[in-house]
Amino acid sequence: MFDLLIVELLIIGMIVGFLSGFFGIGGGTILVPMLLALGYDTKVAIGVAVVQMVFSSIYGSYLNKKNGSLDLSIVLYIGIGGFIGAMLSGGLAAYFSDTTLEIIFLLFATFALIRLFYKVKEHKEQKNVNKFLLFFIGFCIGSVSMTIGVGGSILVVPILVGFLHVDLKKSISAGLFFVVFSSIAGFASHYANGHIDLKTGLIIGVSSLLGVYYGIYKKQKVNLVLQRKLIVLFYVVIVSYLTYRVLFEIY
């Protein structure tokens, strides 16, 4: 008899992959709350999300490079910084309690939701920025985001667009490519600290590839106004659920 849990994980993987490709995010923001709802330990849920992000970010970046929206030079130094920062994530996650990690995750998701209500202004000319500054930005984002199991693209994109004046579509693709660096290093760090459920991660990661393909396809077709409304709704649900969990655990 086929294990019902495996079926659930396969479905979750496809859903997470679709939303990852559609919204240009790493997938952890979606996956961690789903796994918490299934009863997974917070640190294990974060570890599984990191495994899934390795799959979705590599495949999604390949598709973005294929359709010409990925400029590797934009994110190279941020990516290297993110890789090194993410190497610290497993140790940082082990240091904090599950409740503290959920609070940090809630704050991260709330920030992402608030940011969606502010339109990032695009500029015509791209800035030339100090490479060390790009590295430092990547290091900070990589260490924090991988500690709570999110890719960091939700922070990378507004920085590239708002401060460095990079084209929005290129920034979204660069944000997902950043997750390649941060998730691979994050996987190594969380695995060393015993947070990785490899079987669950592989099931979700492999099944997410189909969702990523379809999500990127739909991203090119859907109306931008509708896409914005959908991602706002998505974050409202995530923030509401995490708020409930945190308040329930505290009281």
Foldseek 3Di string as FASTA:
>chain_A
DDDPVLVVLLVLLLVLLLCCQQVLWLRLLPQQLVVVVVPDQQLLSLLLLLLLSLQSLVLSLVVCVVVPLEDCVLQVLLLQLLLVLLLCQQVVLVVDDSLVLLVLSLVVLVVLLVVLVDDADADDDFADDDSVVSSPNSNVQLNSQSNNRIQSLSPQQSCRGRPGRDDNSNSSSSSSNSSNSSSVSNNVNNVVNPNYPPVSSVSSNVSSSNSSVVNNVVSVVDDPVVSSVVVSVVSVVSSVSSVVVSVVVVD
